[in-house]
C-alpha cells in the first residue's frame, strides 16, 4: 500500500520541480521573488527547529546568517555569472537526486539508523543511496551537457 506521505511527496515533486526549473530559467524579478519566498519559508522552518533546541537566539541568528548566505549566493550566481544558470540547475538536480534516492533506498532497504536522536528516520541505506543517486545524476549531466547543452542555451 502506498502511504499518504509518499503520495504527497510525489504530487509536490510533479508540481514543484517543473515550476522551480521554469522560474530559475526565467530569471529576473520572477526568480528574485521566488528566492525571497523560499528564504522566508526556510527561515520559518529553521526557527521552528531552533525552538526545539532550546537556544532560539543563538541558533536563530546563526541559522539566519547561514540561510541568508545560501540564498544570496543563488542570486549572485544566477544574475552575475554567464554559466550561473547551468550551475544552479546542476545543484538543484544533484540535491533532488540525492533526496529522492535517499528516500527510496531508506524506505525499501531500511536497516540501521544513522543518527536516531537527531533524525530518527534516516538510515545508512538512505545515506548510501542518496550519495550514489546524486553521483549518478551528476555523472549523467557531465556526460550529456557537452553533447546536448546547446539545445538549452548552454553552449
C-alpha atoms as a PDB file:
ATOM      1  CA  UNK A   1       0.000   0.000   0.000  1.00  0.00           C
ATOM      2  CA  UNK A   2       1.224   3.494  -0.846  1.00  0.00           C
ATOM      3  CA  UNK A   3       1.458   5.784   2.173  1.00  0.00           C
ATOM      4  CA  UNK A   4      -0.119   9.262   2.227  1.00  0.00           C
ATOM      5  CA  UNK A   5       3.375  10.684   2.840  1.00  0.00           C
ATOM      6  CA  UNK A   6       4.618   9.092  -0.389  1.00  0.00           C
ATOM      7  CA  UNK A   7       1.631  10.396  -2.373  1.00  0.00           C
ATOM      8  CA  UNK A   8       2.193  13.891  -1.005  1.00  0.00           C
ATOM      9  CA  UNK A   9       5.899  13.773  -1.921  1.00  0.00           C
ATOM     10  CA  UNK A  10       5.205  12.593  -5.464  1.00  0.00           C
ATOM     11  CA  UNK A  11       2.462  15.165  -6.065  1.00  0.00           C
ATOM     12  CA  UNK A  12       4.586  18.013  -4.734  1.00  0.00           C
ATOM     13  CA  UNK A  13       7.547  16.880  -6.856  1.00  0.00           C
ATOM     14  CA  UNK A  14       5.424  16.611 -10.017  1.00  0.00           C
ATOM     15  CA  UNK A  15       4.226  20.174  -9.457  1.00  0.00           C
ATOM     16  CA  UNK A  16       7.198  21.899  -7.820  1.00  0.00           C
ATOM     17  CA  UNK A  17      10.127  20.578  -9.880  1.00  0.00           C
ATOM     18  CA  UNK A  18       8.948  21.928 -13.250  1.00  0.00           C
ATOM     19  CA  UNK A  19       7.740  25.182 -11.669  1.00  0.00           C
ATOM     20  CA  UNK A  20      11.062  25.677  -9.890  1.00  0.00           C
ATOM     21  CA  UNK A  21      13.082  24.930 -13.035  1.00  0.00           C
ATOM     22  CA  UNK A  22      10.886  27.296 -15.066  1.00  0.00           C
ATOM     23  CA  UNK A  23      11.382  30.104 -12.550  1.00  0.00           C
ATOM     24  CA  UNK A  24      15.146  29.518 -12.305  1.00  0.00           C
ATOM     25  CA  UNK A  25      15.473  29.505 -16.104  1.00  0.00           C
ATOM     26  CA  UNK A  26      13.252  32.585 -16.482  1.00  0.00           C
ATOM     27  CA  UNK A  27      15.375  34.594 -14.050  1.00  0.00           C
ATOM     28  CA  UNK A  28      14.792  38.293 -13.460  1.00  0.00           C
ATOM     29  CA  UNK A  29      12.204  39.580 -10.999  1.00  0.00           C
ATOM     30  CA  UNK A  30      10.300  36.271 -11.042  1.00  0.00           C
ATOM     31  CA  UNK A  31      13.415  34.478  -9.804  1.00  0.00           C
ATOM     32  CA  UNK A  32      14.139  37.145  -7.187  1.00  0.00           C
ATOM     33  CA  UNK A  33      10.607  36.935  -5.772  1.00  0.00           C
ATOM     34  CA  UNK A  34      10.834  33.133  -5.753  1.00  0.00           C
ATOM     35  CA  UNK A  35      14.130  33.233  -3.854  1.00  0.00           C
ATOM     36  CA  UNK A  36      12.682  35.735  -1.357  1.00  0.00           C
ATOM     37  CA  UNK A  37       9.668  33.474  -0.725  1.00  0.00           C
ATOM     38  CA  UNK A  38      11.891  30.385  -0.406  1.00  0.00           C
ATOM     39  CA  UNK A  39      14.131  32.325   2.000  1.00  0.00           C
ATOM     40  CA  UNK A  40      11.117  33.209   4.163  1.00  0.00           C
ATOM     41  CA  UNK A  41       9.960  29.580   4.227  1.00  0.00           C
ATOM     42  CA  UNK A  42      13.484  28.377   5.107  1.00  0.00           C
ATOM     43  CA  UNK A  43      13.747  30.891   7.962  1.00  0.00           C
ATOM     44  CA  UNK A  44      10.324  29.887   9.295  1.00  0.00           C
ATOM     45  CA  UNK A  45      11.328  26.201   9.238  1.00  0.00           C
ATOM     46  CA  UNK A  46      14.693  26.939  10.834  1.00  0.00           C
ATOM     47  CA  UNK A  47      13.164  28.973  13.639  1.00  0.00           C
ATOM     48  CA  UNK A  48      10.835  26.062  14.396  1.00  0.00           C
ATOM     49  CA  UNK A  49      13.872  23.814  14.755  1.00  0.00           C
ATOM     50  CA  UNK A  50      15.728  26.439  16.807  1.00  0.00           C
ATOM     51  CA  UNK A  51      12.838  26.489  19.295  1.00  0.00           C
ATOM     52  CA  UNK A  52      13.243  22.731  19.754  1.00  0.00           C
ATOM     53  CA  UNK A  53      16.928  23.162  20.559  1.00  0.00           C
ATOM     54  CA  UNK A  54      16.230  25.477  23.471  1.00  0.00           C
ATOM     55  CA  UNK A  55      18.705  28.044  22.108  1.00  0.00           C
ATOM     56  CA  UNK A  56      16.390  30.160  19.976  1.00  0.00           C
ATOM     57  CA  UNK A  57      18.525  33.305  19.822  1.00  0.00           C
ATOM     58  CA  UNK A  58      21.876  31.589  19.237  1.00  0.00           C
ATOM     59  CA  UNK A  59      20.569  29.018  16.754  1.00  0.00           C
ATOM     60  CA  UNK A  60      18.210  31.531  15.172  1.00  0.00           C
ATOM     61  CA  UNK A  61      20.948  34.084  14.469  1.00  0.00           C
ATOM     62  CA  UNK A  62      23.449  31.559  13.138  1.00  0.00           C
ATOM     63  CA  UNK A  63      20.746  29.850  11.080  1.00  0.00           C
ATOM     64  CA  UNK A  64      19.570  33.175   9.662  1.00  0.00           C
ATOM     65  CA  UNK A  65      23.118  34.088   8.583  1.00  0.00           C
ATOM     66  CA  UNK A  66      23.741  30.624   7.114  1.00  0.00           C
ATOM     67  CA  UNK A  67      20.482  30.610   5.154  1.00  0.00           C
ATOM     68  CA  UNK A  68      20.972  34.211   4.015  1.00  0.00           C
ATOM     69  CA  UNK A  69      24.414  33.391   2.590  1.00  0.00           C
ATOM     70  CA  UNK A  70      22.995  30.405   0.682  1.00  0.00           C
ATOM     71  CA  UNK A  71      20.081  32.279  -0.868  1.00  0.00           C
ATOM     72  CA  UNK A  72      22.171  35.386  -1.569  1.00  0.00           C
ATOM     73  CA  UNK A  73      24.687  33.126  -3.336  1.00  0.00           C
ATOM     74  CA  UNK A  74      21.876  31.828  -5.565  1.00  0.00           C
ATOM     75  CA  UNK A  75      21.021  35.410  -6.533  1.00  0.00           C
ATOM     76  CA  UNK A  76      24.624  36.317  -7.304  1.00  0.00           C
ATOM     77  CA  UNK A  77      25.281  33.104  -9.204  1.00  0.00           C
ATOM     78  CA  UNK A  78      22.132  33.420 -11.335  1.00  0.00           C
ATOM     79  CA  UNK A  79      22.474  37.138 -12.061  1.00  0.00           C
ATOM     80  CA  UNK A  80      26.206  37.777 -12.283  1.00  0.00           C
ATOM     81  CA  UNK A  81      27.812  34.773 -13.981  1.00  0.00           C
ATOM     82  CA  UNK A  82      27.423  33.569 -17.570  1.00  0.00           C
ATOM     83  CA  UNK A  83      27.182  29.924 -16.536  1.00  0.00           C
ATOM     84  CA  UNK A  84      25.298  30.672 -13.305  1.00  0.00           C
ATOM     85  CA  UNK A  85      22.037  29.213 -14.583  1.00  0.00           C
ATOM     86  CA  UNK A  86      23.797  25.983 -15.523  1.00  0.00           C
ATOM     87  CA  UNK A  87      25.436  25.685 -12.102  1.00  0.00           C
ATOM     88  CA  UNK A  88      22.164  26.314 -10.261  1.00  0.00           C
ATOM     89  CA  UNK A  89      20.373  23.679 -12.335  1.00  0.00           C
ATOM     90  CA  UNK A  90      23.202  21.206 -11.659  1.00  0.00           C
ATOM     91  CA  UNK A  91      22.994  21.944  -7.945  1.00  0.00           C
ATOM     92  CA  UNK A  92      19.211  21.523  -7.846  1.00  0.00           C
ATOM     93  CA  UNK A  93      19.269  18.280  -9.836  1.00  0.00           C
ATOM     94  CA  UNK A  94      22.053  16.899  -7.635  1.00  0.00           C
ATOM     95  CA  UNK A  95      20.175  17.739  -4.436  1.00  0.00           C
ATOM     96  CA  UNK A  96      16.856  16.414  -5.781  1.00  0.00           C
ATOM     97  CA  UNK A  97      18.597  13.232  -6.943  1.00  0.00           C
ATOM     98  CA  UNK A  98      20.233  12.752  -3.566  1.00  0.00           C
ATOM     99  CA  UNK A  99      17.000  13.387  -1.669  1.00  0.00           C
ATOM    100  CA  UNK A 100      14.939  11.075  -3.881  1.00  0.00           C
ATOM    101  CA  UNK A 101      17.416   8.197  -3.907  1.00  0.00           C
ATOM    102  CA  UNK A 102      17.947   8.546  -0.151  1.00  0.00           C
ATOM    103  CA  UNK A 103      14.206   8.424   0.498  1.00  0.00           C
ATOM    104  CA  UNK A 104      13.582   5.380  -1.697  1.00  0.00           C
ATOM    105  CA  UNK A 105      16.636   3.402  -0.639  1.00  0.00           C
ATOM    106  CA  UNK A 106      15.950   4.178   3.022  1.00  0.00           C
ATOM    107  CA  UNK A 107      12.316   3.070   2.707  1.00  0.00           C
ATOM    108  CA  UNK A 108      12.979  -0.032   0.602  1.00  0.00           C
ATOM    109  CA  UNK A 109      16.183  -1.268   2.219  1.00  0.00           C
ATOM    110  CA  UNK A 110      15.823   0.196   5.694  1.00  0.00           C
ATOM    111  CA  UNK A 111      18.391  -1.033   8.161  1.00  0.00           C
ATOM    112  CA  UNK A 112      20.417   0.630  10.870  1.00  0.00           C
ATOM    113  CA  UNK A 113      19.573   4.192  11.831  1.00  0.00           C
ATOM    114  CA  UNK A 114      22.143   6.857  11.012  1.00  0.00           C
ATOM    115  CA  UNK A 115      21.550   9.290  13.909  1.00  0.00           C
ATOM    116  CA  UNK A 116      18.307   8.377  15.688  1.00  0.00           C
ATOM    117  CA  UNK A 117      18.440  11.236  18.217  1.00  0.00           C
ATOM    118  CA  UNK A 118      18.824  13.882  15.503  1.00  0.00           C
ATOM    119  CA  UNK A 119      16.745  12.414  12.690  1.00  0.00           C
ATOM    120  CA  UNK A 120      15.006   9.174  13.644  1.00  0.00           C
ATOM    121  CA  UNK A 121      14.024   8.078  10.127  1.00  0.00           C
ATOM    122  CA  UNK A 122      17.433   8.420   8.455  1.00  0.00           C
ATOM    123  CA  UNK A 123      19.232   5.153   7.708  1.00  0.00           C
ATOM    124  CA  UNK A 124      22.649   4.193   6.461  1.00  0.00           C
ATOM    125  CA  UNK A 125      20.961   2.753   3.371  1.00  0.00           C
ATOM    126  CA  UNK A 126      19.442   6.171   2.725  1.00  0.00           C
ATOM    127  CA  UNK A 127      22.803   7.879   3.093  1.00  0.00           C
ATOM    128  CA  UNK A 128      24.479   5.490   0.682  1.00  0.00           C
ATOM    129  CA  UNK A 129      21.531   5.557  -1.742  1.00  0.00           C
ATOM    130  CA  UNK A 130      21.418   9.363  -1.700  1.00  0.00           C
ATOM    131  CA  UNK A 131      25.141   9.633  -2.325  1.00  0.00           C
ATOM    132  CA  UNK A 132      25.003   7.159  -5.217  1.00  0.00           C
ATOM    133  CA  UNK A 133      21.869   8.774  -6.644  1.00  0.00           C
ATOM    134  CA  UNK A 134      23.400  12.233  -6.640  1.00  0.00           C
ATOM    135  CA  UNK A 135      26.604  10.872  -8.191  1.00  0.00           C
ATOM    136  CA  UNK A 136      24.555   9.146 -10.911  1.00  0.00           C
ATOM    137  CA  UNK A 137      22.639  12.352 -11.728  1.00  0.00           C
ATOM    138  CA  UNK A 138      25.799  14.465 -11.803  1.00  0.00           C
ATOM    139  CA  UNK A 139      27.684  11.945 -13.961  1.00  0.00           C
ATOM    140  CA  UNK A 140      24.752  11.917 -16.390  1.00  0.00           C
ATOM    141  CA  UNK A 141      24.874  15.722 -16.566  1.00  0.00           C
ATOM    142  CA  UNK A 142      28.626  15.599 -17.124  1.00  0.00           C
ATOM    143  CA  UNK A 143      28.100  13.133 -19.972  1.00  0.00           C
ATOM    144  CA  UNK A 144      25.109  14.761 -21.685  1.00  0.00           C
ATOM    145  CA  UNK A 145      25.699  18.504 -21.136  1.00  0.00           C
ATOM    146  CA  UNK A 146      28.620  18.813 -23.597  1.00  0.00           C
ATOM    147  CA  UNK A 147      26.641  16.908 -26.246  1.00  0.00           C
ATOM    148  CA  UNK A 148      23.204  18.493 -25.838  1.00  0.00           C
ATOM    149  CA  UNK A 149      23.785  21.620 -23.766  1.00  0.00           C
ATOM    150  CA  UNK A 150      23.453  23.903 -26.792  1.00  0.00           C
ATOM    151  CA  UNK A 151      19.827  22.819 -27.151  1.00  0.00           C
ATOM    152  CA  UNK A 152      19.011  24.646 -23.916  1.00  0.00           C
ATOM    153  CA  UNK A 153      21.435  27.531 -24.312  1.00  0.00           C
ATOM    154  CA  UNK A 154      24.466  26.078 -22.532  1.00  0.00           C
ATOM    155  CA  UNK A 155      26.947  26.400 -25.374  1.00  0.00           C
END
